[in-house]
Amino acid sequence: MFILGFVIVFNWVFNNANGSVLIIMLMHAMNNTISGSFFGPMFSRADAVRQAWLYAALWCAVAIVLVVGYGPQDLSRKHRKQEEEHPVQPEMPTASPRVV
């Protein structure tokens, strides 16, 4: 469940940052730091399970807000190459058969 929300939010950020990998790297590092180093040691056993479910629910809630608020069209990549109707393909020269 966590991964579903996480991927939707990261896809939305990546696509709206014009394909910037830097912002995704920073978000991923921040996520790992906060969830693993900061909150991770605070909980153990049953509390850790509850914390993991709460964390997953938070990511899914953010994903739902993004999809409802901005629509699903920002979840797929759209580059200039994809917007062209008929991209021009270079013609490849055909080699004549080689006779030995």
PDB file of N, CA and C in Angstrom:
ATOM      1  N   MET A   1       0.824  -1.186   0.000  1.00  0.00           N
ATOM      2  CA  MET A   1       0.000   0.000   0.000  1.00  0.00           C
ATOM      3  C   MET A   1       0.871   1.253   0.000  1.00  0.00           C
ATOM      4  N   PHE A   2       1.949   1.202   0.744  1.00  0.00           N
ATOM      5  CA  PHE A   2       2.861   2.344   0.817  1.00  0.00           C
ATOM      6  C   PHE A   2       3.414   2.686  -0.555  1.00  0.00           C
ATOM      7  N   ILE A   3       3.838   1.673  -1.290  1.00  0.00           N
ATOM      8  CA  ILE A   3       4.464   1.886  -2.597  1.00  0.00           C
ATOM      9  C   ILE A   3       3.495   2.542  -3.573  1.00  0.00           C
ATOM     10  N   LEU A   4       2.237   2.188  -3.538  1.00  0.00           N
ATOM     11  CA  LEU A   4       1.251   2.765  -4.451  1.00  0.00           C
ATOM     12  C   LEU A   4       1.183   4.280  -4.288  1.00  0.00           C
ATOM     13  N   GLY A   5       1.002   4.734  -3.072  1.00  0.00           N
ATOM     14  CA  GLY A   5       0.944   6.172  -2.837  1.00  0.00           C
ATOM     15  C   GLY A   5       2.264   6.859  -3.153  1.00  0.00           C
ATOM     16  N   PHE A   6       3.352   6.237  -2.747  1.00  0.00           N
ATOM     17  CA  PHE A   6       4.696   6.769  -2.955  1.00  0.00           C
ATOM     18  C   PHE A   6       4.966   6.979  -4.441  1.00  0.00           C
ATOM     19  N   VAL A   7       4.666   5.986  -5.259  1.00  0.00           N
ATOM     20  CA  VAL A   7       4.935   6.056  -6.701  1.00  0.00           C
ATOM     21  C   VAL A   7       4.075   7.113  -7.376  1.00  0.00           C
ATOM     22  N   ILE A   8       2.822   7.214  -7.003  1.00  0.00           N
ATOM     23  CA  ILE A   8       1.937   8.218  -7.607  1.00  0.00           C
ATOM     24  C   ILE A   8       2.440   9.622  -7.302  1.00  0.00           C
ATOM     25  N   VAL A   9       2.800   9.877  -6.048  1.00  0.00           N
ATOM     26  CA  VAL A   9       3.285  11.206  -5.668  1.00  0.00           C
ATOM     27  C   VAL A   9       4.603  11.509  -6.381  1.00  0.00           C
ATOM     28  N   PHE A  10       5.518  10.548  -6.414  1.00  0.00           N
ATOM     29  CA  PHE A  10       6.804  10.784  -7.064  1.00  0.00           C
ATOM     30  C   PHE A  10       6.647  10.977  -8.562  1.00  0.00           C
ATOM     31  N   ASN A  11       5.743  10.225  -9.208  1.00  0.00           N
ATOM     32  CA  ASN A  11       5.488  10.429 -10.640  1.00  0.00           C
ATOM     33  C   ASN A  11       4.952  11.821 -10.899  1.00  0.00           C
ATOM     34  N   TRP A  12       4.026  12.259 -10.072  1.00  0.00           N
ATOM     35  CA  TRP A  12       3.435  13.582 -10.245  1.00  0.00           C
ATOM     36  C   TRP A  12       4.504  14.665 -10.100  1.00  0.00           C
ATOM     37  N   VAL A  13       5.339  14.556  -9.091  1.00  0.00           N
ATOM     38  CA  VAL A  13       6.404  15.551  -8.881  1.00  0.00           C
ATOM     39  C   VAL A  13       7.388  15.523 -10.049  1.00  0.00           C
ATOM     40  N   PHE A  14       7.809  14.339 -10.469  1.00  0.00           N
ATOM     41  CA  PHE A  14       8.762  14.210 -11.577  1.00  0.00           C
ATOM     42  C   PHE A  14       8.209  14.848 -12.848  1.00  0.00           C
ATOM     43  N   ASN A  15       6.976  14.551 -13.185  1.00  0.00           N
ATOM     44  CA  ASN A  15       6.390  15.080 -14.417  1.00  0.00           C
ATOM     45  C   ASN A  15       6.148  16.578 -14.351  1.00  0.00           C
ATOM     46  N   ASN A  16       5.835  17.108 -13.196  1.00  0.00           N
ATOM     47  CA  ASN A  16       5.590  18.537 -13.065  1.00  0.00           C
ATOM     48  C   ASN A  16       6.866  19.334 -12.824  1.00  0.00           C
ATOM     49  N   ALA A  17       7.979  18.656 -12.657  1.00  0.00           N
ATOM     50  CA  ALA A  17       9.282  19.321 -12.544  1.00  0.00           C
ATOM     51  C   ALA A  17      10.048  19.181 -13.851  1.00  0.00           C
ATOM     52  N   ASN A  18       9.334  18.940 -14.939  1.00  0.00           N
ATOM     53  CA  ASN A  18       9.921  18.783 -16.270  1.00  0.00           C
ATOM     54  C   ASN A  18      10.983  17.695 -16.314  1.00  0.00           C
ATOM     55  N   GLY A  19      10.737  16.608 -15.621  1.00  0.00           N
ATOM     56  CA  GLY A  19      11.642  15.463 -15.674  1.00  0.00           C
ATOM     57  C   GLY A  19      12.914  15.638 -14.862  1.00  0.00           C
ATOM     58  N   SER A  20      12.874  16.483 -13.845  1.00  0.00           N
ATOM     59  CA  SER A  20      14.059  16.706 -13.013  1.00  0.00           C
ATOM     60  C   SER A  20      14.273  15.528 -12.069  1.00  0.00           C
ATOM     61  N   VAL A  21      15.403  14.858 -12.226  1.00  0.00           N
ATOM     62  CA  VAL A  21      15.725  13.738 -11.360  1.00  0.00           C
ATOM     63  C   VAL A  21      16.231  14.241 -10.010  1.00  0.00           C
ATOM     64  N   LEU A  22      16.810  15.431  -9.995  1.00  0.00           N
ATOM     65  CA  LEU A  22      17.354  15.991  -8.758  1.00  0.00           C
ATOM     66  C   LEU A  22      16.279  16.124  -7.686  1.00  0.00           C
ATOM     67  N   ILE A  23      15.117  16.637  -8.021  1.00  0.00           N
ATOM     68  CA  ILE A  23      14.051  16.810  -7.029  1.00  0.00           C
ATOM     69  C   ILE A  23      13.593  15.453  -6.497  1.00  0.00           C
ATOM     70  N   ILE A  24      13.557  14.440  -7.355  1.00  0.00           N
ATOM     71  CA  ILE A  24      13.164  13.102  -6.920  1.00  0.00           C
ATOM     72  C   ILE A  24      14.223  12.514  -6.003  1.00  0.00           C
ATOM     73  N   MET A  25      15.490  12.732  -6.328  1.00  0.00           N
ATOM     74  CA  MET A  25      16.564  12.250  -5.456  1.00  0.00           C
ATOM     75  C   MET A  25      16.488  12.905  -4.082  1.00  0.00           C
ATOM     76  N   LEU A  26      16.229  14.201  -4.052  1.00  0.00           N
ATOM     77  CA  LEU A  26      16.105  14.910  -2.776  1.00  0.00           C
ATOM     78  C   LEU A  26      14.895  14.423  -1.972  1.00  0.00           C
ATOM     79  N   MET A  27      13.777  14.213  -2.666  1.00  0.00           N
ATOM     80  CA  MET A  27      12.583  13.699  -1.971  1.00  0.00           C
ATOM     81  C   MET A  27      12.832  12.309  -1.407  1.00  0.00           C
ATOM     82  N   HIS A  28      13.487  11.467  -2.174  1.00  0.00           N
ATOM     83  CA  HIS A  28      13.759  10.103  -1.736  1.00  0.00           C
ATOM     84  C   HIS A  28      14.701  10.104  -0.534  1.00  0.00           C
ATOM     85  N   ALA A  29      15.735  10.933  -0.590  1.00  0.00           N
ATOM     86  CA  ALA A  29      16.673  11.027   0.535  1.00  0.00           C
ATOM     87  C   ALA A  29      15.974  11.569   1.781  1.00  0.00           C
ATOM     88  N   MET A  30      15.118  12.565   1.602  1.00  0.00           N
ATOM     89  CA  MET A  30      14.377  13.127   2.727  1.00  0.00           C
ATOM     90  C   MET A  30      13.428  12.085   3.316  1.00  0.00           C
ATOM     91  N   ASN A  31      12.762  11.326   2.470  1.00  0.00           N
ATOM     92  CA  ASN A  31      11.861  10.273   2.926  1.00  0.00           C
ATOM     93  C   ASN A  31      12.615   9.225   3.738  1.00  0.00           C
ATOM     94  N   ASN A  32      13.759   8.785   3.219  1.00  0.00           N
ATOM     95  CA  ASN A  32      14.548   7.785   3.939  1.00  0.00           C
ATOM     96  C   ASN A  32      15.057   8.317   5.264  1.00  0.00           C
ATOM     97  N   THR A  33      15.478   9.561   5.288  1.00  0.00           N
ATOM     98  CA  THR A  33      15.996  10.152   6.519  1.00  0.00           C
ATOM     99  C   THR A  33      14.910  10.277   7.576  1.00  0.00           C
ATOM    100  N   ILE A  34      13.764  10.790   7.171  1.00  0.00           N
ATOM    101  CA  ILE A  34      12.686  10.999   8.141  1.00  0.00           C
ATOM    102  C   ILE A  34      12.107   9.678   8.617  1.00  0.00           C
ATOM    103  N   SER A  35      11.798   8.782   7.691  1.00  0.00           N
ATOM    104  CA  SER A  35      11.143   7.530   8.094  1.00  0.00           C
ATOM    105  C   SER A  35      12.106   6.543   8.730  1.00  0.00           C
ATOM    106  N   GLY A  36      13.329   6.447   8.224  1.00  0.00           N
ATOM    107  CA  GLY A  36      14.260   5.450   8.732  1.00  0.00           C
ATOM    108  C   GLY A  36      15.072   5.905   9.917  1.00  0.00           C
ATOM    109  N   SER A  37      15.649   7.079   9.830  1.00  0.00           N
ATOM    110  CA  SER A  37      16.556   7.531  10.879  1.00  0.00           C
ATOM    111  C   SER A  37      15.857   8.259  12.012  1.00  0.00           C
ATOM    112  N   PHE A  38      14.789   8.953  11.695  1.00  0.00           N
ATOM    113  CA  PHE A  38      14.126   9.757  12.728  1.00  0.00           C
ATOM    114  C   PHE A  38      13.002   8.986  13.421  1.00  0.00           C
ATOM    115  N   PHE A  39      12.023   8.537  12.648  1.00  0.00           N
ATOM    116  CA  PHE A  39      10.870   7.859  13.250  1.00  0.00           C
ATOM    117  C   PHE A  39      11.107   6.381  13.534  1.00  0.00           C
ATOM    118  N   GLY A  40      11.934   5.729  12.747  1.00  0.00           N
ATOM    119  CA  GLY A  40      12.168   4.293  12.894  1.00  0.00           C
ATOM    120  C   GLY A  40      12.572   3.871  14.296  1.00  0.00           C
ATOM    121  N   PRO A  41      13.593   4.495  14.903  1.00  0.00           N
ATOM    122  CA  PRO A  41      14.020   4.078  16.243  1.00  0.00           C
ATOM    123  C   PRO A  41      13.017   4.387  17.356  1.00  0.00           C
ATOM    124  N   MET A  42      12.027   5.223  17.089  1.00  0.00           N
ATOM    125  CA  MET A  42      11.062   5.604  18.122  1.00  0.00           C
ATOM    126  C   MET A  42      10.055   4.505  18.422  1.00  0.00           C
ATOM    127  N   PHE A  43       9.822   3.615  17.470  1.00  0.00           N
ATOM    128  CA  PHE A  43       8.770   2.623  17.597  1.00  0.00           C
ATOM    129  C   PHE A  43       9.344   1.210  17.567  1.00  0.00           C
ATOM    130  N   SER A  44       8.668   0.311  18.251  1.00  0.00           N
ATOM    131  CA  SER A  44       9.058  -1.097  18.212  1.00  0.00           C
ATOM    132  C   SER A  44       7.815  -1.964  18.292  1.00  0.00           C
ATOM    133  N   ARG A  45       7.924  -3.161  17.787  1.00  0.00           N
ATOM    134  CA  ARG A  45       6.877  -4.195  17.801  1.00  0.00           C
ATOM    135  C   ARG A  45       5.558  -3.697  17.241  1.00  0.00           C
ATOM    136  N   ALA A  46       4.485  -3.774  18.001  1.00  0.00           N
ATOM    137  CA  ALA A  46       3.153  -3.427  17.497  1.00  0.00           C
ATOM    138  C   ALA A  46       3.068  -1.954  17.121  1.00  0.00           C
ATOM    139  N   ASP A  47       3.780  -1.109  17.849  1.00  0.00           N
ATOM    140  CA  ASP A  47       3.765   0.317  17.513  1.00  0.00           C
ATOM    141  C   ASP A  47       4.433   0.574  16.163  1.00  0.00           C
ATOM    142  N   ALA A  48       5.451  -0.197  15.848  1.00  0.00           N
ATOM    143  CA  ALA A  48       6.123  -0.047  14.557  1.00  0.00           C
ATOM    144  C   ALA A  48       5.190  -0.442  13.411  1.00  0.00           C
ATOM    145  N   VAL A  49       4.382  -1.459  13.633  1.00  0.00           N
ATOM    146  CA  VAL A  49       3.420  -1.880  12.608  1.00  0.00           C
ATOM    147  C   VAL A  49       2.368  -0.794  12.410  1.00  0.00           C
ATOM    148  N   ARG A  50       1.860  -0.249  13.501  1.00  0.00           N
ATOM    149  CA  ARG A  50       0.869   0.840  13.401  1.00  0.00           C
ATOM    150  C   ARG A  50       1.466   2.066  12.714  1.00  0.00           C
ATOM    151  N   GLN A  51       2.704   2.372  13.053  1.00  0.00           N
ATOM    152  CA  GLN A  51       3.383   3.513  12.443  1.00  0.00           C
ATOM    153  C   GLN A  51       3.552   3.284  10.944  1.00  0.00           C
ATOM    154  N   ALA A  52       3.881   2.071  10.520  1.00  0.00           N
ATOM    155  CA  ALA A  52       4.038   1.759   9.101  1.00  0.00           C
ATOM    156  C   ALA A  52       2.709   1.915   8.357  1.00  0.00           C
ATOM    157  N   TRP A  53       1.616   1.463   8.953  1.00  0.00           N
ATOM    158  CA  TRP A  53       0.297   1.614   8.332  1.00  0.00           C
ATOM    159  C   TRP A  53      -0.107   3.088   8.258  1.00  0.00           C
ATOM    160  N   LEU A  54       0.200   3.842   9.287  1.00  0.00           N
ATOM    161  CA  LEU A  54      -0.108   5.271   9.286  1.00  0.00           C
ATOM    162  C   LEU A  54       0.698   5.988   8.207  1.00  0.00           C
ATOM    163  N   TYR A  55       1.952   5.606   8.084  1.00  0.00           N
ATOM    164  CA  TYR A  55       2.834   6.169   7.068  1.00  0.00           C
ATOM    165  C   TYR A  55       2.302   5.857   5.665  1.00  0.00           C
ATOM    166  N   ALA A  56       1.883   4.623   5.443  1.00  0.00           N
ATOM    167  CA  ALA A  56       1.320   4.232   4.146  1.00  0.00           C
ATOM    168  C   ALA A  56       0.030   4.988   3.865  1.00  0.00           C
ATOM    169  N   ALA A  57      -0.800   5.139   4.883  1.00  0.00           N
ATOM    170  CA  ALA A  57      -2.058   5.870   4.712  1.00  0.00           C
ATOM    171  C   ALA A  57      -1.796   7.337   4.367  1.00  0.00           C
ATOM    172  N   LEU A  58      -0.771   7.907   4.957  1.00  0.00           N
ATOM    173  CA  LEU A  58      -0.426   9.292   4.664  1.00  0.00           C
ATOM    174  C   LEU A  58      -0.007   9.459   3.201  1.00  0.00           C
ATOM    175  N   TRP A  59       0.862   8.572   2.698  1.00  0.00           N
ATOM    176  CA  TRP A  59       1.274   8.643   1.296  1.00  0.00           C
ATOM    177  C   TRP A  59       0.080   8.447   0.361  1.00  0.00           C
ATOM    178  N   CYS A  60      -0.815   7.512   0.699  1.00  0.00           N
ATOM    179  CA  CYS A  60      -1.999   7.276  -0.147  1.00  0.00           C
ATOM    180  C   CYS A  60      -2.944   8.476  -0.117  1.00  0.00           C
ATOM    181  N   ALA A  61      -3.076   9.119   1.037  1.00  0.00           N
ATOM    182  CA  ALA A  61      -3.929  10.312   1.131  1.00  0.00           C
ATOM    183  C   ALA A  61      -3.373  11.435   0.261  1.00  0.00           C
ATOM    184  N   VAL A  62      -2.078  11.632   0.291  1.00  0.00           N
ATOM    185  CA  VAL A  62      -1.456  12.655  -0.560  1.00  0.00           C
ATOM    186  C   VAL A  62      -1.662  12.310  -2.031  1.00  0.00           C
ATOM    187  N   ALA A  63      -1.517  11.041  -2.391  1.00  0.00           N
ATOM    188  CA  ALA A  63      -1.724  10.611  -3.773  1.00  0.00           C
ATOM    189  C   ALA A  63      -3.164  10.863  -4.216  1.00  0.00           C
ATOM    190  N   ILE A  64      -4.119  10.558  -3.362  1.00  0.00           N
ATOM    191  CA  ILE A  64      -5.535  10.777  -3.700  1.00  0.00           C
ATOM    192  C   ILE A  64      -5.815  12.264  -3.893  1.00  0.00           C
ATOM    193  N   VAL A  65      -5.265  13.094  -3.023  1.00  0.00           N
ATOM    194  CA  VAL A  65      -5.466  14.542  -3.150  1.00  0.00           C
ATOM    195  C   VAL A  65      -4.885  15.042  -4.473  1.00  0.00           C
ATOM    196  N   LEU A  66      -3.711  14.558  -4.849  1.00  0.00           N
ATOM    197  CA  LEU A  66      -3.109  14.976  -6.119  1.00  0.00           C
ATOM    198  C   LEU A  66      -3.939  14.541  -7.315  1.00  0.00           C
ATOM    199  N   VAL A  67      -4.394  13.290  -7.320  1.00  0.00           N
ATOM    200  CA  VAL A  67      -5.173  12.794  -8.462  1.00  0.00           C
ATOM    201  C   VAL A  67      -6.521  13.494  -8.554  1.00  0.00           C
ATOM    202  N   VAL A  68      -7.182  13.706  -7.427  1.00  0.00           N
ATOM    203  CA  VAL A  68      -8.485  14.382  -7.448  1.00  0.00           C
ATOM    204  C   VAL A  68      -8.317  15.867  -7.762  1.00  0.00           C
ATOM    205  N   GLY A  69      -7.310  16.480  -7.175  1.00  0.00           N
ATOM    206  CA  GLY A  69      -7.116  17.919  -7.358  1.00  0.00           C
ATOM    207  C   GLY A  69      -6.581  18.315  -8.718  1.00  0.00           C
ATOM    208  N   TYR A  70      -5.641  17.547  -9.255  1.00  0.00           N
ATOM    209  CA  TYR A  70      -5.004  17.921 -10.511  1.00  0.00           C
ATOM    210  C   TYR A  70      -5.378  17.026 -11.683  1.00  0.00           C
ATOM    211  N   GLY A  71      -5.985  15.904 -11.424  1.00  0.00           N
ATOM    212  CA  GLY A  71      -6.388  14.999 -12.491  1.00  0.00           C
ATOM    213  C   GLY A  71      -5.278  14.030 -12.863  1.00  0.00           C
ATOM    214  N   PRO A  72      -5.651  12.939 -13.520  1.00  0.00           N
ATOM    215  CA  PRO A  72      -4.672  11.903 -13.860  1.00  0.00           C
ATOM    216  C   PRO A  72      -3.770  12.257 -15.037  1.00  0.00           C
ATOM    217  N   GLN A  73      -4.059  13.342 -15.765  1.00  0.00           N
ATOM    218  CA  GLN A  73      -3.256  13.648 -16.946  1.00  0.00           C
ATOM    219  C   GLN A  73      -1.814  14.001 -16.601  1.00  0.00           C
ATOM    220  N   ASP A  74      -1.529  14.418 -15.372  1.00  0.00           N
ATOM    221  CA  ASP A  74      -0.158  14.747 -14.992  1.00  0.00           C
ATOM    222  C   ASP A  74       0.622  13.539 -14.490  1.00  0.00           C
ATOM    223  N   LEU A  75       0.051  12.353 -14.574  1.00  0.00           N
ATOM    224  CA  LEU A  75       0.737  11.162 -14.089  1.00  0.00           C
ATOM    225  C   LEU A  75       1.493  10.424 -15.184  1.00  0.00           C
ATOM    226  N   SER A  76       1.384  10.886 -16.426  1.00  0.00           N
ATOM    227  CA  SER A  76       2.143  10.254 -17.502  1.00  0.00           C
ATOM    228  C   SER A  76       3.033  11.298 -18.155  1.00  0.00           C
ATOM    229  N   ARG A  77       4.155  10.825 -18.697  1.00  0.00           N
ATOM    230  CA  ARG A  77       5.109  11.746 -19.309  1.00  0.00           C
ATOM    231  C   ARG A  77       4.588  12.244 -20.646  1.00  0.00           C
ATOM    232  N   LYS A  78       4.846  13.503 -20.916  1.00  0.00           N
ATOM    233  CA  LYS A  78       4.525  14.078 -22.213  1.00  0.00           C
ATOM    234  C   LYS A  78       5.702  14.936 -22.623  1.00  0.00           C
ATOM    235  N   HIS A  79       6.462  14.424 -23.551  1.00  0.00           N
ATOM    236  CA  HIS A  79       7.592  15.169 -24.072  1.00  0.00           C
ATOM    237  C   HIS A  79       7.233  15.727 -25.438  1.00  0.00           C
ATOM    238  N   ARG A  80       8.019  16.676 -25.883  1.00  0.00           N
ATOM    239  CA  ARG A  80       7.756  17.266 -27.194  1.00  0.00           C
ATOM    240  C   ARG A  80       7.749  16.209 -28.293  1.00  0.00           C
ATOM    241  N   LYS A  81       8.595  15.208 -28.157  1.00  0.00           N
ATOM    242  CA  LYS A  81       8.638  14.156 -29.159  1.00  0.00           C
ATOM    243  C   LYS A  81       7.318  13.397 -29.220  1.00  0.00           C
ATOM    244  N   GLN A  82       6.673  13.220 -28.079  1.00  0.00           N
ATOM    245  CA  GLN A  82       5.411  12.491 -28.049  1.00  0.00           C
ATOM    246  C   GLN A  82       4.270  13.331 -28.587  1.00  0.00           C
ATOM    247  N   GLU A  83       4.397  14.651 -28.562  1.00  0.00           N
ATOM    248  CA  GLU A  83       3.321  15.524 -29.010  1.00  0.00           C
ATOM    249  C   GLU A  83       3.285  15.672 -30.526  1.00  0.00           C
ATOM    250  N   GLU A  84       4.394  15.369 -31.206  1.00  0.00           N
ATOM    251  CA  GLU A  84       4.407  15.437 -32.658  1.00  0.00           C
ATOM    252  C   GLU A  84       3.516  14.341 -33.229  1.00  0.00           C
ATOM    253  N   GLU A  85       2.744  14.707 -34.244  1.00  0.00           N
ATOM    254  CA  GLU A  85       1.850  13.714 -34.829  1.00  0.00           C
ATOM    255  C   GLU A  85       2.611  12.636 -35.571  1.00  0.00           C
ATOM    256  N   HIS A  86       3.465  13.038 -36.469  1.00  0.00           N
ATOM    257  CA  HIS A  86       4.215  12.082 -37.285  1.00  0.00           C
ATOM    258  C   HIS A  86       5.690  12.446 -37.204  1.00  0.00           C
ATOM    259  N   PRO A  87       6.415  11.849 -36.296  1.00  0.00           N
ATOM    260  CA  PRO A  87       7.839  12.170 -36.218  1.00  0.00           C
ATOM    261  C   PRO A  87       8.564  11.722 -37.483  1.00  0.00           C
ATOM    262  N   VAL A  88       9.506  12.526 -37.893  1.00  0.00           N
ATOM    263  CA  VAL A  88      10.255  12.223 -39.111  1.00  0.00           C
ATOM    264  C   VAL A  88      11.328  11.203 -38.769  1.00  0.00           C
ATOM    265  N   GLN A  89      11.303  10.101 -39.494  1.00  0.00           N
ATOM    266  CA  GLN A  89      12.291   9.045 -39.295  1.00  0.00           C
ATOM    267  C   GLN A  89      13.343   9.173 -40.389  1.00  0.00           C
ATOM    268  N   PRO A  90      14.626   9.178 -40.029  1.00  0.00           N
ATOM    269  CA  PRO A  90      15.648   9.259 -41.077  1.00  0.00           C
ATOM    270  C   PRO A  90      15.656   7.981 -41.906  1.00  0.00           C
ATOM    271  N   GLU A  91      15.866   8.168 -43.202  1.00  0.00           N
ATOM    272  CA  GLU A  91      15.901   7.008 -44.094  1.00  0.00           C
ATOM    273  C   GLU A  91      17.252   6.333 -43.975  1.00  0.00           C
ATOM    274  N   MET A  92      17.218   5.047 -43.857  1.00  0.00           N
ATOM    275  CA  MET A  92      18.441   4.267 -43.747  1.00  0.00           C
ATOM    276  C   MET A  92      18.841   3.802 -45.139  1.00  0.00           C
ATOM    277  N   PRO A  93      20.106   4.018 -45.524  1.00  0.00           N
ATOM    278  CA  PRO A  93      20.527   3.522 -46.844  1.00  0.00           C
ATOM    279  C   PRO A  93      20.564   1.996 -46.835  1.00  0.00           C
ATOM    280  N   THR A  94      20.106   1.448 -47.918  1.00  0.00           N
ATOM    281  CA  THR A  94      20.127  -0.005 -48.020  1.00  0.00           C
ATOM    282  C   THR A  94      21.400  -0.429 -48.705  1.00  0.00           C
ATOM    283  N   ALA A  95      22.067  -1.364 -48.132  1.00  0.00           N
ATOM    284  CA  ALA A  95      23.326  -1.858 -48.695  1.00  0.00           C
ATOM    285  C   ALA A  95      23.010  -2.915 -49.735  1.00  0.00           C
ATOM    286  N   SER A  96      23.810  -2.911 -50.779  1.00  0.00           N
ATOM    287  CA  SER A  96      23.625  -3.943 -51.803  1.00  0.00           C
ATOM    288  C   SER A  96      24.205  -5.248 -51.274  1.00  0.00           C
ATOM    289  N   PRO A  97      23.671  -6.366 -51.755  1.00  0.00           N
ATOM    290  CA  PRO A  97      24.191  -7.647 -51.266  1.00  0.00           C
ATOM    291  C   PRO A  97      25.666  -7.790 -51.638  1.00  0.00           C
ATOM    292  N   ARG A  98      26.390  -8.347 -50.749  1.00  0.00           N
ATOM    293  CA  ARG A  98      27.829  -8.514 -50.932  1.00  0.00           C
ATOM    294  C   ARG A  98      28.100  -9.823 -51.672  1.00  0.00           C
ATOM    295  N   VAL A  99      28.870  -9.714 -52.735  1.00  0.00           N
ATOM    296  CA  VAL A  99      29.214 -10.896 -53.523  1.00  0.00           C
ATOM    297  C   VAL A  99      30.659 -11.257 -53.204  1.00  0.00           C
ATOM    298  N   VAL A 100      30.861 -12.504 -52.846  1.00  0.00           N
ATOM    299  CA  VAL A 100      32.218 -12.966 -52.514  1.00  0.00           C
ATOM    300  C   VAL A 100      32.732 -13.873 -53.578  1.00  0.00           C
TER     301      VAL A 100
END
